[in-house]
Amino acid sequence: MSLKTTLIGLGNILMRDEGVGIHVVKYIQENFVVPPELEIVDGGTSGLDLLPFIEGRDQVLFVDTVNFNREPGYISVLLNGQIPALSGTKDCLHHMGLMDVLAAARLLDKLPAQIALIGIQPHTIATGLDLSPSIQARLQPLVDQILKQLAFWGLACRPCREF
């Protein structure tokens, strides 16, 4: 029996670095062959609308900007109780939606066994469509961290084409 896993990119692509989660999951979708048990979702700023993508899953991986109070481009992985919505702290930039959906999933006893949030410290969340140069320079390490977490969960993603 294979585990059901969802990769969810969060953010607002109209606010520069705030959209990095969306950009990076789209990149993975377009450039990697993913196993059938992995669902990739553009979560945008959906909030509670994400609940159906969490319910019935064994593992959920979120990707988003997080205020780690570190230098722009800093990447970290938060697991289960380390995630602000599950620990009661509010370190995420815009995560009332993420906090709400995780709280609702917990109340409904629908919280997946494994949850991870891969966060990157943004440089700017000003209005605009382009990622800042400091975040663009960290996209490959961010993708690598996502692939590493998925591999840890037993999901191997391979490039669509060899370079």
N, C-alpha and C. Protein backbone atom coordinates (compact mmCIF):
# COMPACT_ATOMS: atom_id res chain seq x y z
N MET A 1 0.84 -1.19 0.00
CA MET A 1 0.00 0.00 0.00
C MET A 1 0.88 1.25 0.00
N SER A 2 0.67 2.14 -0.95
CA SER A 2 1.48 3.36 -1.01
C SER A 2 0.80 4.48 -0.23
N LEU A 3 1.63 5.34 0.33
CA LEU A 3 1.14 6.46 1.11
C LEU A 3 0.69 7.59 0.18
N LYS A 4 -0.38 8.27 0.55
CA LYS A 4 -0.85 9.42 -0.22
C LYS A 4 -0.18 10.68 0.31
N THR A 5 0.41 11.42 -0.62
CA THR A 5 1.17 12.61 -0.25
C THR A 5 0.74 13.79 -1.11
N THR A 6 0.68 14.97 -0.50
CA THR A 6 0.38 16.20 -1.24
C THR A 6 1.51 17.20 -1.01
N LEU A 7 1.95 17.81 -2.11
CA LEU A 7 2.90 18.92 -2.09
C LEU A 7 2.10 20.17 -2.43
N ILE A 8 2.08 21.13 -1.50
CA ILE A 8 1.26 22.33 -1.67
C ILE A 8 2.15 23.57 -1.65
N GLY A 9 2.13 24.31 -2.74
CA GLY A 9 2.81 25.60 -2.80
C GLY A 9 1.85 26.69 -2.37
N LEU A 10 2.29 27.52 -1.43
CA LEU A 10 1.45 28.61 -0.92
C LEU A 10 2.04 29.95 -1.31
N GLY A 11 1.18 30.97 -1.36
CA GLY A 11 1.68 32.31 -1.59
C GLY A 11 0.83 33.11 -2.56
N ASN A 12 1.26 34.33 -2.76
CA ASN A 12 0.58 35.27 -3.64
C ASN A 12 1.58 35.72 -4.69
N ILE A 13 1.40 35.28 -5.93
CA ILE A 13 2.37 35.60 -7.00
C ILE A 13 2.36 37.07 -7.39
N LEU A 14 1.42 37.85 -6.86
CA LEU A 14 1.39 39.28 -7.15
C LEU A 14 2.23 40.09 -6.18
N MET A 15 2.85 39.40 -5.21
CA MET A 15 3.64 40.09 -4.18
C MET A 15 5.07 39.55 -4.14
N ARG A 16 5.70 39.56 -5.30
CA ARG A 16 7.10 39.18 -5.47
C ARG A 16 7.48 37.89 -4.75
N ASP A 17 8.32 37.95 -3.72
CA ASP A 17 8.83 36.74 -3.07
C ASP A 17 7.74 35.94 -2.37
N GLU A 18 6.63 36.58 -2.06
CA GLU A 18 5.50 35.90 -1.43
C GLU A 18 4.98 34.76 -2.29
N GLY A 19 5.23 34.81 -3.60
CA GLY A 19 4.76 33.78 -4.52
C GLY A 19 5.72 32.63 -4.75
N VAL A 20 6.83 32.58 -4.01
CA VAL A 20 7.86 31.57 -4.28
C VAL A 20 7.33 30.13 -4.17
N GLY A 21 6.43 29.87 -3.24
CA GLY A 21 5.87 28.52 -3.09
C GLY A 21 5.15 28.07 -4.34
N ILE A 22 4.42 28.98 -4.97
CA ILE A 22 3.69 28.68 -6.20
C ILE A 22 4.68 28.42 -7.33
N HIS A 23 5.66 29.31 -7.46
CA HIS A 23 6.65 29.18 -8.53
C HIS A 23 7.42 27.86 -8.44
N VAL A 24 7.80 27.47 -7.24
CA VAL A 24 8.67 26.30 -7.10
C VAL A 24 7.89 25.00 -7.30
N VAL A 25 6.63 24.91 -6.86
CA VAL A 25 5.89 23.68 -7.13
C VAL A 25 5.53 23.56 -8.61
N LYS A 26 5.29 24.70 -9.26
CA LYS A 26 5.05 24.68 -10.71
C LYS A 26 6.31 24.20 -11.43
N TYR A 27 7.48 24.65 -10.99
CA TYR A 27 8.74 24.20 -11.58
C TYR A 27 8.90 22.69 -11.43
N ILE A 28 8.60 22.16 -10.26
CA ILE A 28 8.71 20.72 -10.04
C ILE A 28 7.72 19.97 -10.93
N GLN A 29 6.51 20.48 -11.04
CA GLN A 29 5.48 19.86 -11.88
C GLN A 29 5.92 19.79 -13.34
N GLU A 30 6.58 20.84 -13.82
CA GLU A 30 6.95 20.93 -15.23
C GLU A 30 8.27 20.23 -15.55
N ASN A 31 9.13 20.03 -14.56
CA ASN A 31 10.48 19.54 -14.83
C ASN A 31 10.82 18.19 -14.23
N PHE A 32 9.89 17.59 -13.50
CA PHE A 32 10.15 16.31 -12.86
C PHE A 32 9.02 15.33 -13.12
N VAL A 33 9.38 14.07 -13.22
CA VAL A 33 8.40 13.00 -13.26
C VAL A 33 8.17 12.61 -11.80
N VAL A 34 6.93 12.73 -11.36
CA VAL A 34 6.61 12.45 -9.96
C VAL A 34 5.81 11.16 -9.86
N PRO A 35 5.94 10.46 -8.75
CA PRO A 35 5.18 9.22 -8.59
C PRO A 35 3.68 9.50 -8.53
N PRO A 36 2.86 8.54 -8.92
CA PRO A 36 1.41 8.76 -8.97
C PRO A 36 0.79 9.03 -7.60
N GLU A 37 1.44 8.61 -6.52
CA GLU A 37 0.88 8.86 -5.19
C GLU A 37 1.17 10.26 -4.66
N LEU A 38 1.86 11.08 -5.49
CA LEU A 38 2.14 12.47 -5.12
C LEU A 38 1.24 13.41 -5.90
N GLU A 39 0.44 14.18 -5.17
CA GLU A 39 -0.40 15.21 -5.78
C GLU A 39 0.26 16.55 -5.54
N ILE A 40 0.37 17.36 -6.59
CA ILE A 40 0.96 18.69 -6.47
C ILE A 40 -0.15 19.73 -6.63
N VAL A 41 -0.21 20.66 -5.68
CA VAL A 41 -1.30 21.63 -5.62
C VAL A 41 -0.76 23.05 -5.55
N ASP A 42 -1.30 23.93 -6.40
CA ASP A 42 -1.08 25.37 -6.28
C ASP A 42 -2.09 25.86 -5.25
N GLY A 43 -1.63 26.02 -4.02
CA GLY A 43 -2.53 26.41 -2.94
C GLY A 43 -2.81 27.89 -2.87
N GLY A 44 -2.01 28.69 -3.58
CA GLY A 44 -2.21 30.13 -3.58
C GLY A 44 -2.42 30.66 -2.18
N THR A 45 -3.50 31.40 -2.01
CA THR A 45 -3.87 31.95 -0.70
C THR A 45 -5.22 31.36 -0.27
N SER A 46 -5.41 30.09 -0.57
CA SER A 46 -6.72 29.43 -0.45
C SER A 46 -7.26 29.25 0.96
N GLY A 47 -6.43 29.13 1.95
CA GLY A 47 -6.93 28.96 3.31
C GLY A 47 -7.69 27.66 3.50
N LEU A 48 -8.91 27.75 4.04
CA LEU A 48 -9.68 26.55 4.36
C LEU A 48 -10.05 25.73 3.13
N ASP A 49 -9.98 26.32 1.95
CA ASP A 49 -10.24 25.57 0.72
C ASP A 49 -9.21 24.46 0.50
N LEU A 50 -8.11 24.50 1.26
CA LEU A 50 -7.07 23.46 1.14
C LEU A 50 -7.41 22.20 1.92
N LEU A 51 -8.41 22.25 2.77
CA LEU A 51 -8.75 21.10 3.60
C LEU A 51 -8.94 19.81 2.81
N PRO A 52 -9.61 19.83 1.66
CA PRO A 52 -9.75 18.58 0.90
C PRO A 52 -8.42 18.00 0.41
N PHE A 53 -7.38 18.83 0.29
CA PHE A 53 -6.08 18.35 -0.15
C PHE A 53 -5.24 17.82 1.01
N ILE A 54 -5.75 17.97 2.23
CA ILE A 54 -5.07 17.49 3.43
C ILE A 54 -5.76 16.25 3.98
N GLU A 55 -7.09 16.26 3.94
CA GLU A 55 -7.87 15.13 4.44
C GLU A 55 -7.51 13.86 3.67
N GLY A 56 -7.35 12.77 4.39
CA GLY A 56 -7.08 11.49 3.77
C GLY A 56 -5.65 11.31 3.28
N ARG A 57 -4.80 12.28 3.56
CA ARG A 57 -3.39 12.17 3.16
C ARG A 57 -2.58 11.64 4.33
N ASP A 58 -1.51 10.93 4.00
CA ASP A 58 -0.58 10.45 5.02
C ASP A 58 0.49 11.48 5.30
N GLN A 59 0.84 12.26 4.25
CA GLN A 59 1.92 13.23 4.36
C GLN A 59 1.56 14.46 3.54
N VAL A 60 1.83 15.62 4.09
CA VAL A 60 1.61 16.88 3.37
C VAL A 60 2.85 17.74 3.54
N LEU A 61 3.33 18.26 2.42
CA LEU A 61 4.50 19.14 2.41
C LEU A 61 4.07 20.50 1.86
N PHE A 62 4.19 21.53 2.70
CA PHE A 62 3.89 22.90 2.29
C PHE A 62 5.20 23.60 1.95
N VAL A 63 5.14 24.51 0.96
CA VAL A 63 6.29 25.34 0.62
C VAL A 63 5.81 26.78 0.60
N ASP A 64 6.52 27.66 1.34
CA ASP A 64 6.07 29.03 1.44
C ASP A 64 7.17 29.92 2.01
N THR A 65 6.90 31.21 2.01
CA THR A 65 7.78 32.15 2.69
C THR A 65 7.49 32.09 4.19
N VAL A 66 8.53 32.21 4.98
CA VAL A 66 8.40 32.21 6.44
C VAL A 66 9.34 33.27 6.99
N ASN A 67 8.87 34.01 7.96
CA ASN A 67 9.72 35.00 8.60
C ASN A 67 10.53 34.31 9.70
N PHE A 68 11.73 33.91 9.33
CA PHE A 68 12.65 33.28 10.29
C PHE A 68 13.51 34.32 11.00
N ASN A 69 13.33 35.60 10.63
CA ASN A 69 14.19 36.67 11.13
C ASN A 69 15.65 36.38 10.80
N ARG A 70 15.87 35.94 9.58
CA ARG A 70 17.20 35.62 9.08
C ARG A 70 17.41 36.37 7.77
N GLU A 71 18.55 36.12 7.13
CA GLU A 71 18.86 36.78 5.87
C GLU A 71 17.95 36.26 4.76
N PRO A 72 17.63 37.11 3.76
CA PRO A 72 16.81 36.66 2.64
C PRO A 72 17.42 35.43 1.98
N GLY A 73 16.56 34.47 1.69
CA GLY A 73 17.00 33.24 1.05
C GLY A 73 17.30 32.11 2.03
N TYR A 74 17.28 32.39 3.33
CA TYR A 74 17.49 31.35 4.33
C TYR A 74 16.37 30.33 4.22
N ILE A 75 16.71 29.05 4.18
CA ILE A 75 15.75 27.96 4.01
C ILE A 75 15.79 27.07 5.25
N SER A 76 14.62 26.68 5.72
CA SER A 76 14.55 25.75 6.85
C SER A 76 13.34 24.85 6.68
N VAL A 77 13.41 23.69 7.30
CA VAL A 77 12.32 22.72 7.29
C VAL A 77 11.73 22.64 8.69
N LEU A 78 10.42 22.83 8.77
CA LEU A 78 9.70 22.69 10.03
C LEU A 78 8.84 21.43 9.91
N LEU A 79 8.92 20.59 10.92
CA LEU A 79 8.18 19.33 10.91
C LEU A 79 7.13 19.30 12.00
N ASN A 80 5.96 18.81 11.65
CA ASN A 80 4.87 18.56 12.59
C ASN A 80 4.72 19.67 13.62
N GLY A 81 5.00 19.44 14.88
CA GLY A 81 4.79 20.42 15.95
C GLY A 81 5.64 21.66 15.85
N GLN A 82 6.67 21.66 14.99
CA GLN A 82 7.49 22.86 14.80
C GLN A 82 6.77 23.89 13.93
N ILE A 83 5.76 23.46 13.20
CA ILE A 83 5.04 24.37 12.31
C ILE A 83 4.21 25.32 13.17
N PRO A 84 4.30 26.63 12.90
CA PRO A 84 3.63 27.62 13.74
C PRO A 84 2.18 27.30 14.05
N ALA A 85 1.41 26.84 13.09
CA ALA A 85 0.00 26.56 13.32
C ALA A 85 -0.20 25.42 14.31
N LEU A 86 0.77 24.53 14.40
CA LEU A 86 0.63 23.39 15.30
C LEU A 86 1.27 23.64 16.66
N SER A 87 2.15 24.65 16.72
CA SER A 87 2.82 24.94 17.98
C SER A 87 2.24 26.15 18.70
N GLY A 88 1.38 26.90 18.01
CA GLY A 88 0.77 28.06 18.64
C GLY A 88 1.50 29.36 18.38
N THR A 89 2.70 29.33 17.76
CA THR A 89 3.40 30.58 17.44
C THR A 89 2.98 31.05 16.06
N LYS A 90 3.25 32.32 15.76
CA LYS A 90 2.84 32.91 14.50
C LYS A 90 4.04 33.52 13.80
N ASP A 91 4.89 32.65 13.21
CA ASP A 91 6.09 33.13 12.53
C ASP A 91 5.92 33.30 11.03
N CYS A 92 4.85 32.84 10.47
CA CYS A 92 4.66 32.89 9.04
C CYS A 92 4.14 34.27 8.63
N LEU A 93 4.47 34.67 7.43
CA LEU A 93 4.13 36.02 6.98
C LEU A 93 2.63 36.23 6.79
N HIS A 94 1.96 35.32 6.14
CA HIS A 94 0.56 35.53 5.80
C HIS A 94 -0.28 34.32 6.13
N HIS A 95 0.13 33.54 7.10
CA HIS A 95 -0.38 32.20 7.23
C HIS A 95 -1.64 32.02 8.04
N MET A 96 -2.46 33.01 8.13
CA MET A 96 -3.73 32.75 8.80
C MET A 96 -4.42 31.61 8.06
N GLY A 97 -4.33 31.56 6.74
CA GLY A 97 -4.95 30.48 5.97
C GLY A 97 -4.36 29.13 6.31
N LEU A 98 -3.03 29.02 6.36
CA LEU A 98 -2.38 27.76 6.72
C LEU A 98 -2.70 27.39 8.15
N MET A 99 -2.65 28.36 9.04
CA MET A 99 -2.95 28.08 10.45
C MET A 99 -4.39 27.60 10.60
N ASP A 100 -5.30 28.25 9.88
CA ASP A 100 -6.71 27.86 9.96
C ASP A 100 -6.95 26.46 9.44
N VAL A 101 -6.36 26.13 8.29
CA VAL A 101 -6.61 24.81 7.70
C VAL A 101 -6.01 23.71 8.56
N LEU A 102 -4.83 23.94 9.14
CA LEU A 102 -4.24 22.91 10.01
C LEU A 102 -5.02 22.78 11.31
N ALA A 103 -5.50 23.90 11.85
CA ALA A 103 -6.32 23.84 13.06
C ALA A 103 -7.62 23.11 12.79
N ALA A 104 -8.24 23.38 11.64
CA ALA A 104 -9.48 22.70 11.28
C ALA A 104 -9.25 21.21 11.08
N ALA A 105 -8.16 20.86 10.42
CA ALA A 105 -7.84 19.44 10.21
C ALA A 105 -7.64 18.74 11.55
N ARG A 106 -6.99 19.42 12.47
CA ARG A 106 -6.77 18.83 13.79
C ARG A 106 -8.11 18.64 14.52
N LEU A 107 -8.97 19.65 14.48
CA LEU A 107 -10.27 19.55 15.15
C LEU A 107 -11.13 18.44 14.56
N LEU A 108 -11.03 18.24 13.25
CA LEU A 108 -11.80 17.20 12.57
C LEU A 108 -11.13 15.83 12.63
N ASP A 109 -9.99 15.78 13.31
CA ASP A 109 -9.19 14.55 13.40
C ASP A 109 -8.79 14.06 12.00
N LYS A 110 -8.43 15.01 11.13
CA LYS A 110 -8.03 14.72 9.75
C LYS A 110 -6.59 15.12 9.48
N LEU A 111 -5.84 15.43 10.52
CA LEU A 111 -4.45 15.88 10.37
C LEU A 111 -3.60 14.71 9.89
N PRO A 112 -2.86 14.88 8.79
CA PRO A 112 -1.98 13.80 8.32
C PRO A 112 -0.93 13.44 9.37
N ALA A 113 -0.44 12.21 9.29
CA ALA A 113 0.57 11.74 10.24
C ALA A 113 1.86 12.55 10.13
N GLN A 114 2.22 12.95 8.92
CA GLN A 114 3.46 13.70 8.70
C GLN A 114 3.14 14.99 7.96
N ILE A 115 3.58 16.10 8.54
CA ILE A 115 3.43 17.41 7.90
C ILE A 115 4.78 18.10 7.95
N ALA A 116 5.14 18.71 6.84
CA ALA A 116 6.37 19.49 6.78
C ALA A 116 6.08 20.82 6.10
N LEU A 117 6.78 21.84 6.55
CA LEU A 117 6.74 23.16 5.92
C LEU A 117 8.17 23.54 5.59
N ILE A 118 8.44 23.66 4.30
CA ILE A 118 9.76 24.16 3.88
C ILE A 118 9.58 25.64 3.62
N GLY A 119 10.25 26.43 4.42
CA GLY A 119 10.11 27.87 4.33
C GLY A 119 11.38 28.54 3.86
N ILE A 120 11.19 29.67 3.20
CA ILE A 120 12.32 30.49 2.76
C ILE A 120 12.06 31.92 3.20
N GLN A 121 13.09 32.54 3.75
CA GLN A 121 12.99 33.93 4.19
C GLN A 121 12.93 34.84 2.96
N PRO A 122 11.87 35.63 2.81
CA PRO A 122 11.77 36.50 1.63
C PRO A 122 12.66 37.73 1.75
N HIS A 123 12.94 38.33 0.62
CA HIS A 123 13.65 39.61 0.59
C HIS A 123 12.63 40.75 0.56
N THR A 124 11.60 40.59 -0.30
CA THR A 124 10.58 41.62 -0.42
C THR A 124 9.23 40.99 -0.71
N ILE A 125 8.19 41.58 -0.16
CA ILE A 125 6.83 41.16 -0.50
C ILE A 125 6.06 42.35 -1.08
N ALA A 126 6.81 43.24 -1.74
CA ALA A 126 6.19 44.38 -2.42
C ALA A 126 5.41 43.88 -3.63
N THR A 127 4.53 44.71 -4.13
CA THR A 127 3.75 44.36 -5.31
C THR A 127 4.68 44.18 -6.51
N GLY A 128 4.47 43.11 -7.23
CA GLY A 128 5.26 42.81 -8.42
C GLY A 128 5.20 41.33 -8.74
N LEU A 129 5.54 40.98 -9.96
CA LEU A 129 5.43 39.59 -10.41
C LEU A 129 6.72 38.81 -10.31
N ASP A 130 7.86 39.49 -10.28
CA ASP A 130 9.15 38.79 -10.30
C ASP A 130 9.66 38.52 -8.89
N LEU A 131 10.32 37.37 -8.75
CA LEU A 131 11.01 37.09 -7.49
C LEU A 131 12.24 37.98 -7.40
N SER A 132 12.63 38.35 -6.20
CA SER A 132 13.83 39.17 -6.02
C SER A 132 15.06 38.35 -6.42
N PRO A 133 16.15 39.01 -6.83
CA PRO A 133 17.36 38.28 -7.21
C PRO A 133 17.89 37.36 -6.11
N SER A 134 17.78 37.78 -4.84
CA SER A 134 18.28 36.93 -3.76
C SER A 134 17.46 35.65 -3.61
N ILE A 135 16.18 35.71 -3.90
CA ILE A 135 15.34 34.50 -3.83
C ILE A 135 15.52 33.66 -5.09
N GLN A 136 15.63 34.31 -6.25
CA GLN A 136 15.91 33.55 -7.49
C GLN A 136 17.18 32.73 -7.35
N ALA A 137 18.18 33.30 -6.69
CA ALA A 137 19.46 32.61 -6.52
C ALA A 137 19.33 31.40 -5.59
N ARG A 138 18.26 31.33 -4.82
CA ARG A 138 18.08 30.23 -3.86
C ARG A 138 17.02 29.22 -4.31
N LEU A 139 16.53 29.35 -5.55
CA LEU A 139 15.50 28.43 -6.02
C LEU A 139 16.00 26.99 -6.11
N GLN A 140 17.21 26.78 -6.63
CA GLN A 140 17.71 25.40 -6.74
C GLN A 140 17.88 24.75 -5.37
N PRO A 141 18.48 25.44 -4.39
CA PRO A 141 18.54 24.82 -3.05
C PRO A 141 17.14 24.55 -2.46
N LEU A 142 16.18 25.41 -2.78
CA LEU A 142 14.81 25.18 -2.30
C LEU A 142 14.21 23.94 -2.96
N VAL A 143 14.37 23.81 -4.26
CA VAL A 143 13.91 22.61 -4.96
C VAL A 143 14.60 21.37 -4.40
N ASP A 144 15.91 21.46 -4.20
CA ASP A 144 16.67 20.33 -3.65
C ASP A 144 16.12 19.91 -2.28
N GLN A 145 15.77 20.88 -1.45
CA GLN A 145 15.24 20.57 -0.12
C GLN A 145 13.88 19.89 -0.22
N ILE A 146 13.05 20.33 -1.15
CA ILE A 146 11.75 19.71 -1.37
C ILE A 146 11.93 18.26 -1.81
N LEU A 147 12.81 18.05 -2.81
CA LEU A 147 13.06 16.70 -3.30
C LEU A 147 13.64 15.80 -2.22
N LYS A 148 14.47 16.37 -1.37
CA LYS A 148 15.06 15.61 -0.26
C LYS A 148 13.98 15.17 0.73
N GLN A 149 13.05 16.07 1.07
CA GLN A 149 11.97 15.71 1.98
C GLN A 149 11.07 14.65 1.37
N LEU A 150 10.74 14.81 0.09
CA LEU A 150 9.90 13.81 -0.58
C LEU A 150 10.61 12.46 -0.62
N ALA A 151 11.90 12.46 -0.90
CA ALA A 151 12.67 11.21 -0.92
C ALA A 151 12.70 10.57 0.46
N PHE A 152 12.81 11.38 1.51
CA PHE A 152 12.78 10.87 2.87
C PHE A 152 11.45 10.15 3.15
N TRP A 153 10.39 10.64 2.53
CA TRP A 153 9.08 10.02 2.67
C TRP A 153 8.88 8.88 1.68
N GLY A 154 9.92 8.56 0.90
CA GLY A 154 9.85 7.44 -0.03
C GLY A 154 9.33 7.78 -1.41
N LEU A 155 9.33 9.05 -1.76
CA LEU A 155 8.83 9.50 -3.07
C LEU A 155 9.98 10.03 -3.91
N ALA A 156 10.36 9.28 -4.91
CA ALA A 156 11.46 9.69 -5.77
C ALA A 156 10.93 10.44 -6.97
N CYS A 157 11.43 11.64 -7.19
CA CYS A 157 11.09 12.45 -8.35
C CYS A 157 12.33 12.50 -9.22
N ARG A 158 12.16 12.28 -10.52
CA ARG A 158 13.34 12.33 -11.39
C ARG A 158 13.12 13.39 -12.47
N PRO A 159 14.21 14.00 -12.90
CA PRO A 159 14.10 15.04 -13.95
C PRO A 159 13.42 14.48 -15.21
N CYS A 160 12.65 15.30 -15.87
CA CYS A 160 11.99 14.90 -17.12
C CYS A 160 13.01 14.64 -18.22
N ARG A 161 14.11 15.37 -18.17
CA ARG A 161 15.15 15.21 -19.20
C ARG A 161 16.51 15.35 -18.53
N GLU A 162 17.44 14.68 -19.09
CA GLU A 162 18.80 14.75 -18.58
C GLU A 162 19.49 15.98 -19.16
N PHE A 163 20.32 16.62 -18.39
CA PHE A 163 21.00 17.84 -18.86
C PHE A 163 22.37 17.49 -19.36
